[in-house]
C-alpha atoms as a PDB file:
ATOM      1  CA  MET A   1       0.000   0.000   0.000  1.00  0.00           C
ATOM      2  CA  MET A   2       1.388   3.371  -1.022  1.00  0.00           C
ATOM      3  CA  VAL A   3       1.724   5.930   1.818  1.00  0.00           C
ATOM      4  CA  ILE A   4       0.819   9.492   0.820  1.00  0.00           C
ATOM      5  CA  PRO A   5       3.187  11.958   2.571  1.00  0.00           C
ATOM      6  CA  MET A   6       1.556  14.552   4.810  1.00  0.00           C
ATOM      7  CA  LYS A   7       2.055  18.170   3.795  1.00  0.00           C
ATOM      8  CA  ALA A   8       2.630  21.297   5.908  1.00  0.00           C
ATOM      9  CA  ASN A   9       3.340  24.941   5.151  1.00  0.00           C
ATOM     10  CA  VAL A  10       6.612  26.607   6.164  1.00  0.00           C
ATOM     11  CA  TYR A  11       6.300  30.163   7.500  1.00  0.00           C
ATOM     12  CA  SER A  12       8.851  32.928   7.844  1.00  0.00           C
ATOM     13  CA  VAL A  13       9.409  34.881  11.063  1.00  0.00           C
ATOM     14  CA  GLU A  14       7.157  37.575   9.540  1.00  0.00           C
ATOM     15  CA  GLY A  15       4.298  35.071   9.229  1.00  0.00           C
ATOM     16  CA  LYS A  16       4.491  34.735   5.427  1.00  0.00           C
ATOM     17  CA  LYS A  17       4.019  31.389   3.739  1.00  0.00           C
ATOM     18  CA  LEU A  18       7.285  30.330   2.082  1.00  0.00           C
ATOM     19  CA  LYS A  19       6.794  26.779   0.806  1.00  0.00           C
ATOM     20  CA  THR A  20       5.184  23.405   1.430  1.00  0.00           C
ATOM     21  CA  ILE A  21       7.141  20.422   2.713  1.00  0.00           C
ATOM     22  CA  ASP A  22       6.475  16.762   3.495  1.00  0.00           C
ATOM     23  CA  LEU A  23       6.179  15.908   7.163  1.00  0.00           C
ATOM     24  CA  PRO A  24       8.196  12.982   8.586  1.00  0.00           C
ATOM     25  CA  PRO A  25       6.350   9.644   8.732  1.00  0.00           C
ATOM     26  CA  GLN A  26       6.345   9.903  12.552  1.00  0.00           C
ATOM     27  CA  PHE A  27       3.397  12.303  12.279  1.00  0.00           C
ATOM     28  CA  ASP A  28       1.300   9.705  10.453  1.00  0.00           C
ATOM     29  CA  SER A  29       0.545   7.594  13.535  1.00  0.00           C
ATOM     30  CA  LYS A  30      -2.631   6.612  15.324  1.00  0.00           C
ATOM     31  CA  TYR A  31      -3.611   8.646  18.394  1.00  0.00           C
ATOM     32  CA  ARG A  32      -3.331   6.357  21.426  1.00  0.00           C
ATOM     33  CA  GLU A  33      -4.457   8.077  24.608  1.00  0.00           C
ATOM     34  CA  ASP A  34      -3.706   5.015  26.738  1.00  0.00           C
ATOM     35  CA  LEU A  35      -0.054   4.926  25.642  1.00  0.00           C
ATOM     36  CA  ILE A  36       0.314   8.668  26.098  1.00  0.00           C
ATOM     37  CA  ARG A  37      -1.026   8.452  29.664  1.00  0.00           C
ATOM     38  CA  ARG A  38       1.469   5.703  30.529  1.00  0.00           C
ATOM     39  CA  ALA A  39       4.365   7.659  29.031  1.00  0.00           C
ATOM     40  CA  VAL A  40       3.370  10.889  30.801  1.00  0.00           C
ATOM     41  CA  LEU A  41       3.140   9.041  34.120  1.00  0.00           C
ATOM     42  CA  SER A  42       6.633   7.655  33.531  1.00  0.00           C
ATOM     43  CA  ASP A  43       7.998  11.137  32.697  1.00  0.00           C
ATOM     44  CA  GLU A  44       6.381  12.760  35.735  1.00  0.00           C
ATOM     45  CA  SER A  45       7.474  10.046  38.175  1.00  0.00           C
ATOM     46  CA  ALA A  46      11.070  10.257  36.890  1.00  0.00           C
ATOM     47  CA  ALA A  47      11.155  13.852  38.111  1.00  0.00           C
ATOM     48  CA  TYR A  48      10.165  12.921  41.680  1.00  0.00           C
ATOM     49  CA  GLN A  49      12.772  13.479  44.378  1.00  0.00           C
ATOM     50  CA  PRO A  50      13.414  10.470  46.638  1.00  0.00           C
ATOM     51  CA  LYS A  51      12.842  11.329  50.268  1.00  0.00           C
ATOM     52  CA  GLY A  52      13.584   9.645  53.561  1.00  0.00           C
ATOM     53  CA  ASN A  53      14.658  10.432  57.100  1.00  0.00           C
ATOM     54  CA  TYR A  54      18.093  10.074  58.673  1.00  0.00           C
ATOM     55  CA  ARG A  55      19.016   6.409  58.916  1.00  0.00           C
ATOM     56  CA  PHE A  56      19.816   6.534  62.649  1.00  0.00           C
ATOM     57  CA  ALA A  57      17.157   9.087  63.638  1.00  0.00           C
ATOM     58  CA  GLY A  58      15.937   8.425  67.195  1.00  0.00           C
ATOM     59  CA  MET A  59      18.553   5.719  67.737  1.00  0.00           C
ATOM     60  CA  GLU A  60      21.530   7.862  68.777  1.00  0.00           C
ATOM     61  CA  THR A  61      20.915   7.547  72.494  1.00  0.00           C
ATOM     62  CA  SER A  62      22.249   5.642  75.492  1.00  0.00           C
ATOM     63  CA  ALA A  63      18.845   4.042  76.109  1.00  0.00           C
ATOM     64  CA  LYS A  64      18.802   0.279  76.390  1.00  0.00           C
ATOM     65  CA  TYR A  65      16.316  -2.391  77.373  1.00  0.00           C
ATOM     66  CA  ARG A  66      16.890  -4.246  80.625  1.00  0.00           C
ATOM     67  CA  GLY A  67      14.621  -7.245  80.739  1.00  0.00           C
ATOM     68  CA  ARG A  68      16.346  -9.803  82.953  1.00  0.00           C
ATOM     69  CA  LYS A  69      15.521  -9.664  86.621  1.00  0.00           C
ATOM     70  CA  GLU A  70      19.179  -9.984  87.550  1.00  0.00           C
ATOM     71  CA  ALA A  71      20.291  -7.191  85.200  1.00  0.00           C
ATOM     72  CA  TYR A  72      21.689  -4.040  86.760  1.00  0.00           C
ATOM     73  CA  GLY A  73      18.955  -1.392  86.850  1.00  0.00           C
ATOM     74  CA  SER A  74      16.211  -3.835  85.776  1.00  0.00           C
ATOM     75  CA  LEU A  75      12.600  -2.694  86.197  1.00  0.00           C
ATOM     76  CA  LYS A  76      11.145  -6.169  86.499  1.00  0.00           C
ATOM     77  CA  ASN A  77       8.588  -6.540  89.298  1.00  0.00           C
ATOM     78  CA  LYS A  78       8.895  -2.827  90.154  1.00  0.00           C
ATOM     79  CA  GLY A  79       5.618  -1.581  88.716  1.00  0.00           C
ATOM     80  CA  GLN A  80       7.335   0.408  85.955  1.00  0.00           C
ATOM     81  CA  ALA A  81       7.034   0.046  82.206  1.00  0.00           C
ATOM     82  CA  MET A  82       9.818  -2.191  80.937  1.00  0.00           C
ATOM     83  CA  LEU A  83      10.924   0.012  78.045  1.00  0.00           C
ATOM     84  CA  PRO A  84      14.318   1.203  76.763  1.00  0.00           C
ATOM     85  CA  ARG A  85      15.511   3.958  79.085  1.00  0.00           C
ATOM     86  CA  THR A  86      18.542   6.207  79.043  1.00  0.00           C
ATOM     87  CA  VAL A  87      21.512   5.293  81.218  1.00  0.00           C
ATOM     88  CA  VAL A  88      21.953   7.700  84.171  1.00  0.00           C
ATOM     89  CA  PRO A  89      24.633   7.784  86.880  1.00  0.00           C
ATOM     90  CA  GLY A  90      23.995   5.749  89.992  1.00  0.00           C
ATOM     91  CA  GLY A  91      21.840   3.139  88.307  1.00  0.00           C
ATOM     92  CA  GLY A  92      18.701   5.284  88.297  1.00  0.00           C
ATOM     93  CA  MET A  93      15.866   5.069  85.808  1.00  0.00           C
ATOM     94  CA  GLY A  94      16.248   7.405  82.829  1.00  0.00           C
ATOM     95  CA  VAL A  95      13.583   8.571  80.415  1.00  0.00           C
ATOM     96  CA  VAL A  96      12.131   6.325  77.730  1.00  0.00           C
ATOM     97  CA  ARG A  97      13.787   6.696  74.335  1.00  0.00           C
ATOM     98  CA  ARG A  98      14.182   4.831  71.002  1.00  0.00           C
ATOM     99  CA  ILE A  99      10.664   3.451  70.610  1.00  0.00           C
ATOM    100  CA  PRO A 100       8.135   5.292  68.355  1.00  0.00           C
ATOM    101  CA  SER A 101       5.796   6.191  71.214  1.00  0.00           C
ATOM    102  CA  SER A 102       8.539   7.956  73.207  1.00  0.00           C
ATOM    103  CA  VAL A 103       9.702  11.562  73.073  1.00  0.00           C
ATOM    104  CA  LYS A 104      12.454  11.970  70.451  1.00  0.00           C
ATOM    105  CA  GLY A 105      11.998   8.328  69.477  1.00  0.00           C
ATOM    106  CA  ARG A 106      12.311   6.866  66.002  1.00  0.00           C
ATOM    107  CA  ARG A 107       9.403   6.852  63.567  1.00  0.00           C
ATOM    108  CA  ALA A 108       7.531   3.597  63.168  1.00  0.00           C
ATOM    109  CA  HIS A 109       7.407   3.504  59.359  1.00  0.00           C
ATOM    110  CA  PRO A 110       9.414   6.438  57.932  1.00  0.00           C
ATOM    111  CA  PRO A 111       9.666   7.105  54.175  1.00  0.00           C
ATOM    112  CA  LYS A 112      12.629   5.300  52.645  1.00  0.00           C
ATOM    113  CA  PRO A 113      14.786   6.809  49.853  1.00  0.00           C
ATOM    114  CA  GLU A 114      15.287   3.386  48.290  1.00  0.00           C
ATOM    115  CA  LYS A 115      11.554   3.066  47.564  1.00  0.00           C
ATOM    116  CA  LYS A 116      10.787   2.577  43.854  1.00  0.00           C
ATOM    117  CA  ILE A 117       8.781   5.633  42.791  1.00  0.00           C
ATOM    118  CA  ILE A 118       9.478   5.664  39.031  1.00  0.00           C
ATOM    119  CA  GLU A 119       6.905   4.064  36.744  1.00  0.00           C
ATOM    120  CA  LEU A 120       8.960   2.286  34.098  1.00  0.00           C
ATOM    121  CA  ILE A 121       7.833   1.839  30.496  1.00  0.00           C
ATOM    122  CA  ASN A 122       9.235  -0.237  27.635  1.00  0.00           C
ATOM    123  CA  LYS A 123      11.414   1.607  25.090  1.00  0.00           C
ATOM    124  CA  LYS A 124       9.346   0.574  22.073  1.00  0.00           C
ATOM    125  CA  GLU A 125       6.145   1.436  23.901  1.00  0.00           C
ATOM    126  CA  TYR A 126       7.501   4.880  24.790  1.00  0.00           C
ATOM    127  CA  ALA A 127       8.638   5.496  21.194  1.00  0.00           C
ATOM    128  CA  LYS A 128       5.151   4.637  19.973  1.00  0.00           C
ATOM    129  CA  ALA A 129       3.634   6.985  22.554  1.00  0.00           C
ATOM    130  CA  LEU A 130       5.945   9.771  21.355  1.00  0.00           C
ATOM    131  CA  ARG A 131       4.888   9.229  17.729  1.00  0.00           C
ATOM    132  CA  SER A 132       1.274   9.294  18.874  1.00  0.00           C
ATOM    133  CA  ALA A 133       1.925  12.586  20.686  1.00  0.00           C
ATOM    134  CA  LEU A 134       3.442  14.032  17.500  1.00  0.00           C
ATOM    135  CA  ALA A 135       0.377  12.948  15.539  1.00  0.00           C
ATOM    136  CA  SER A 136      -1.927  14.648  18.070  1.00  0.00           C
ATOM    137  CA  THR A 137      -0.295  18.023  17.313  1.00  0.00           C
ATOM    138  CA  MET A 138      -1.986  17.909  13.880  1.00  0.00           C
ATOM    139  CA  ASP A 139      -5.502  17.309  15.210  1.00  0.00           C
ATOM    140  CA  LYS A 140      -7.362  20.596  14.625  1.00  0.00           C
ATOM    141  CA  GLU A 141     -10.392  19.507  16.667  1.00  0.00           C
ATOM    142  CA  MET A 142      -8.307  18.869  19.789  1.00  0.00           C
ATOM    143  CA  VAL A 143      -6.540  22.207  19.403  1.00  0.00           C
ATOM    144  CA  ALA A 144      -9.843  24.048  18.938  1.00  0.00           C
ATOM    145  CA  GLU A 145     -11.301  22.367  22.042  1.00  0.00           C
ATOM    146  CA  LEU A 146      -8.364  23.301  24.278  1.00  0.00           C
ATOM    147  CA  CYS A 147      -7.534  26.757  22.894  1.00  0.00           C
ATOM    148  CA  GLY A 148     -11.099  27.903  22.194  1.00  0.00           C
ATOM    149  CA  LYS A 149     -10.599  28.734  18.503  1.00  0.00           C
ATOM    150  CA  GLU A 150      -9.765  27.068  15.198  1.00  0.00           C
ATOM    151  CA  ILE A 151      -6.078  27.220  14.277  1.00  0.00           C
ATOM    152  CA  GLU A 152      -4.195  25.860  11.277  1.00  0.00           C
ATOM    153  CA  VAL A 153      -1.731  23.380  12.796  1.00  0.00           C
ATOM    154  CA  PRO A 154       1.061  22.478  12.890  1.00  0.00           C
ATOM    155  CA  PHE A 155       3.235  25.588  12.414  1.00  0.00           C
ATOM    156  CA  ILE A 156       6.574  25.007  10.684  1.00  0.00           C
ATOM    157  CA  LEU A 157       9.025  27.922  10.885  1.00  0.00           C
ATOM    158  CA  GLU A 158      12.108  28.582   8.807  1.00  0.00           C
ATOM    159  CA  THR A 159      15.525  27.723  10.209  1.00  0.00           C
ATOM    160  CA  GLY A 160      16.361  31.383  10.830  1.00  0.00           C
ATOM    161  CA  PHE A 161      13.915  31.416  13.746  1.00  0.00           C
ATOM    162  CA  GLU A 162      16.393  29.448  15.870  1.00  0.00           C
ATOM    163  CA  LYS A 163      18.872  32.338  15.795  1.00  0.00           C
ATOM    164  CA  ILE A 164      16.470  34.537  17.784  1.00  0.00           C
ATOM    165  CA  SER A 165      17.902  35.340  21.215  1.00  0.00           C
ATOM    166  CA  LYS A 166      15.414  37.931  22.547  1.00  0.00           C
ATOM    167  CA  THR A 167      11.987  37.340  24.060  1.00  0.00           C
ATOM    168  CA  LYS A 168      10.365  40.345  22.370  1.00  0.00           C
ATOM    169  CA  GLU A 169      11.351  38.965  18.952  1.00  0.00           C
ATOM    170  CA  ILE A 170       9.611  35.656  19.678  1.00  0.00           C
ATOM    171  CA  ILE A 171       6.488  37.551  20.758  1.00  0.00           C
ATOM    172  CA  LYS A 172       6.581  39.345  17.384  1.00  0.00           C
ATOM    173  CA  VAL A 173       6.647  35.965  15.626  1.00  0.00           C
ATOM    174  CA  LEU A 174       3.625  34.826  17.659  1.00  0.00           C
ATOM    175  CA  ASP A 175       1.846  38.032  16.616  1.00  0.00           C
ATOM    176  CA  ALA A 176       2.647  37.323  12.974  1.00  0.00           C
ATOM    177  CA  LEU A 177       1.254  33.771  13.324  1.00  0.00           C
ATOM    178  CA  LYS A 178      -1.889  35.228  15.025  1.00  0.00           C
ATOM    179  CA  ILE A 179      -1.593  33.105  18.174  1.00  0.00           C
ATOM    180  CA  SER A 180      -0.339  35.761  20.605  1.00  0.00           C
ATOM    181  CA  ASP A 181      -3.815  35.923  22.180  1.00  0.00           C
ATOM    182  CA  LEU A 182      -3.061  32.516  23.756  1.00  0.00           C
ATOM    183  CA  VAL A 183      -0.222  34.162  25.701  1.00  0.00           C
ATOM    184  CA  ALA A 184      -2.652  36.737  27.124  1.00  0.00           C
ATOM    185  CA  LYS A 185      -5.131  33.959  27.894  1.00  0.00           C
ATOM    186  CA  ALA A 186      -2.489  32.015  29.845  1.00  0.00           C
ATOM    187  CA  LYS A 187      -1.420  35.178  31.664  1.00  0.00           C
ATOM    188  CA  ASN A 188      -4.979  35.776  32.873  1.00  0.00           C
ATOM    189  CA  LYS A 189      -5.198  32.196  34.181  1.00  0.00           C
ATOM    190  CA  ARG A 190      -1.912  32.394  36.081  1.00  0.00           C
ATOM    191  CA  LYS A 191      -2.168  31.273  39.714  1.00  0.00           C
ATOM    192  CA  LYS A 192       0.107  30.577  42.656  1.00  0.00           C
ATOM    193  CA  LYS A 193       1.450  27.106  43.264  1.00  0.00           C
ATOM    194  CA  THR A 194      -0.033  25.378  46.284  1.00  0.00           C
ATOM    195  CA  GLY A 195       1.821  23.842  49.210  1.00  0.00           C
ATOM    196  CA  VAL A 196       4.595  25.188  51.398  1.00  0.00           C
ATOM    197  CA  ARG A 197       5.685  27.646  48.690  1.00  0.00           C
ATOM    198  CA  LYS A 198       2.436  29.563  49.207  1.00  0.00           C
ATOM    199  CA  LYS A 199       3.639  30.628  52.680  1.00  0.00           C
ATOM    200  CA  ARG A 200       6.969  31.996  51.485  1.00  0.00           C
ATOM    201  CA  LYS A 201       7.654  35.574  50.478  1.00  0.00           C
ATOM    202  CA  LYS A 202       8.857  34.622  47.002  1.00  0.00           C
ATOM    203  CA  GLN A 203       5.822  32.779  45.702  1.00  0.00           C
ATOM    204  CA  ILE A 204       6.014  30.709  42.511  1.00  0.00           C
ATOM    205  CA  THR A 205       3.232  30.979  39.946  1.00  0.00           C
ATOM    206  CA  LYS A 206       2.164  28.650  37.157  1.00  0.00           C
ATOM    207  CA  SER A 207       0.101  29.142  34.028  1.00  0.00           C
ATOM    208  CA  PRO A 208      -1.523  26.707  31.571  1.00  0.00           C
ATOM    209  CA  LYS A 209       0.507  25.804  28.492  1.00  0.00           C
ATOM    210  CA  TYR A 210      -1.188  26.491  25.163  1.00  0.00           C
ATOM    211  CA  ILE A 211       1.871  26.692  22.862  1.00  0.00           C
ATOM    212  CA  ILE A 212       4.734  24.176  22.541  1.00  0.00           C
ATOM    213  CA  LEU A 213       7.907  25.289  20.762  1.00  0.00           C
ATOM    214  CA  VAL A 214      10.202  22.524  19.470  1.00  0.00           C
ATOM    215  CA  VAL A 215      13.615  23.679  18.212  1.00  0.00           C
ATOM    216  CA  SER A 216      17.157  22.351  17.809  1.00  0.00           C
ATOM    217  CA  GLU A 217      19.092  25.373  19.141  1.00  0.00           C
ATOM    218  CA  GLN A 218      19.420  26.442  22.783  1.00  0.00           C
ATOM    219  CA  SER A 219      19.199  30.212  22.123  1.00  0.00           C
ATOM    220  CA  ALA A 220      15.534  30.058  21.090  1.00  0.00           C
ATOM    221  CA  VAL A 221      14.711  27.932  24.158  1.00  0.00           C
ATOM    222  CA  LYS A 222      16.200  30.548  26.495  1.00  0.00           C
ATOM    223  CA  ALA A 223      14.458  33.415  24.694  1.00  0.00           C
ATOM    224  CA  ALA A 224      11.033  31.751  25.050  1.00  0.00           C
ATOM    225  CA  LYS A 225      11.586  30.717  28.643  1.00  0.00           C
ATOM    226  CA  ASN A 226       9.641  33.533  30.351  1.00  0.00           C
ATOM    227  CA  ILE A 227       6.664  33.776  27.995  1.00  0.00           C
ATOM    228  CA  PRO A 228       3.501  32.680  29.847  1.00  0.00           C
ATOM    229  CA  GLY A 229       1.555  29.899  28.179  1.00  0.00           C
ATOM    230  CA  LEU A 230       4.550  28.807  26.057  1.00  0.00           C
ATOM    231  CA  LYS A 231       6.821  25.841  26.685  1.00  0.00           C
ATOM    232  CA  SER A 232      10.066  25.527  24.704  1.00  0.00           C
ATOM    233  CA  VAL A 233      12.032  22.297  24.357  1.00  0.00           C
ATOM    234  CA  LEU A 234      14.995  20.941  22.413  1.00  0.00           C
ATOM    235  CA  VAL A 235      14.401  17.992  20.087  1.00  0.00           C
ATOM    236  CA  LYS A 236      17.112  15.921  21.778  1.00  0.00           C
ATOM    237  CA  ASP A 237      15.424  16.440  25.173  1.00  0.00           C
ATOM    238  CA  MET A 238      11.830  16.130  23.946  1.00  0.00           C
ATOM    239  CA  LYS A 239       9.536  13.857  25.943  1.00  0.00           C
ATOM    240  CA  VAL A 240       5.909  12.870  25.683  1.00  0.00           C
ATOM    241  CA  ASN A 241       5.068  15.102  28.650  1.00  0.00           C
ATOM    242  CA  ASP A 242       6.512  18.082  26.743  1.00  0.00           C
ATOM    243  CA  LEU A 243       4.202  17.635  23.761  1.00  0.00           C
ATOM    244  CA  VAL A 244       1.168  16.549  25.782  1.00  0.00           C
ATOM    245  CA  PRO A 245       1.461  18.113  29.273  1.00  0.00           C
ATOM    246  CA  GLY A 246      -0.654  16.225  31.762  1.00  0.00           C
ATOM    247  CA  ALA A 247      -1.688  13.739  29.015  1.00  0.00           C
ATOM    248  CA  LYS A 248      -4.090  16.369  27.639  1.00  0.00           C
ATOM    249  CA  ALA A 249      -3.587  16.763  23.890  1.00  0.00           C
ATOM    250  CA  GLY A 250      -4.451  19.865  21.887  1.00  0.00           C
ATOM    251  CA  ARG A 251      -1.556  22.307  22.274  1.00  0.00           C
ATOM    252  CA  VAL A 252      -0.519  24.556  19.400  1.00  0.00           C
ATOM    253  CA  THR A 253       2.875  23.123  18.449  1.00  0.00           C
ATOM    254  CA  ILE A 254       5.525  25.057  16.534  1.00  0.00           C
ATOM    255  CA  PHE A 255       8.390  23.179  14.855  1.00  0.00           C
ATOM    256  CA  THR A 256      11.403  24.465  12.957  1.00  0.00           C
ATOM    257  CA  GLU A 257      12.728  22.825   9.793  1.00  0.00           C
ATOM    258  CA  ASN A 258      15.852  21.630  11.599  1.00  0.00           C
ATOM    259  CA  ALA A 259      13.706  20.160  14.368  1.00  0.00           C
ATOM    260  CA  LEU A 260      11.718  18.128  11.821  1.00  0.00           C
ATOM    261  CA  LYS A 261      14.956  16.779  10.336  1.00  0.00           C
ATOM    262  CA  GLU A 262      16.119  15.621  13.764  1.00  0.00           C
ATOM    263  CA  ILE A 263      12.730  14.018  14.476  1.00  0.00           C
ATOM    264  CA  SER A 264      12.846  12.060  11.202  1.00  0.00           C
ATOM    265  CA  GLU A 265      16.395  10.842  11.962  1.00  0.00           C
ATOM    266  CA  LYS A 266      15.948  10.079  15.666  1.00  0.00           C
ATOM    267  CA  TRP A 267      12.646   8.178  15.644  1.00  0.00           C
END
């Protein structure tokens, strides 16, 4: 069966249509939401930070258990709780330590840093999920549902776009492509992150991502870093969670010509 190549328009930084090119075969894949969800879960769990308490917490004490009746300082048959107590001069009874129910005692079941918290996924399964995520960037219905308007996707920009090193120049390109209103929309929906950070003076905010920028040069990634509603990523570092944040497809995705060449060679 003959495969008809998928076409896409290439735009200049001024928003003018330059030519039409064939998209890599990776874009001609079936949308699999189940695979994308598994891959996103694997990406998110890989970013978790292992946590656990100090290995000897609550155990660095002189407390010891004296159970035998003949033991020096034993509490047997004395009407006292036979628990580990600190050693004091003169053979007296110290305070209870070490056990979870005591003051400054160890925790019963503390979190352990060796716990497996990463959801693993097969390499071939992840590659298929990534191709499915690339295919979802061409679905106009998904983009219209998430962004609230119909947009011609995907956007392919000329190679000269990757030489941009200033944020205001990238905003001009978004204006030329007529998608800068998504930046204002994300800015209006910006909110503070919950948790402990909410109590600090320097509070961190987050905004929904409506635009994904995929390039092959670092300068464009840095320039687009502080634009609300836009997420920039290098092709070599691209993950499923970058194209489909939170496993919710429908972002406006912008590729450069060099980025498409790397995608066709890598996957």
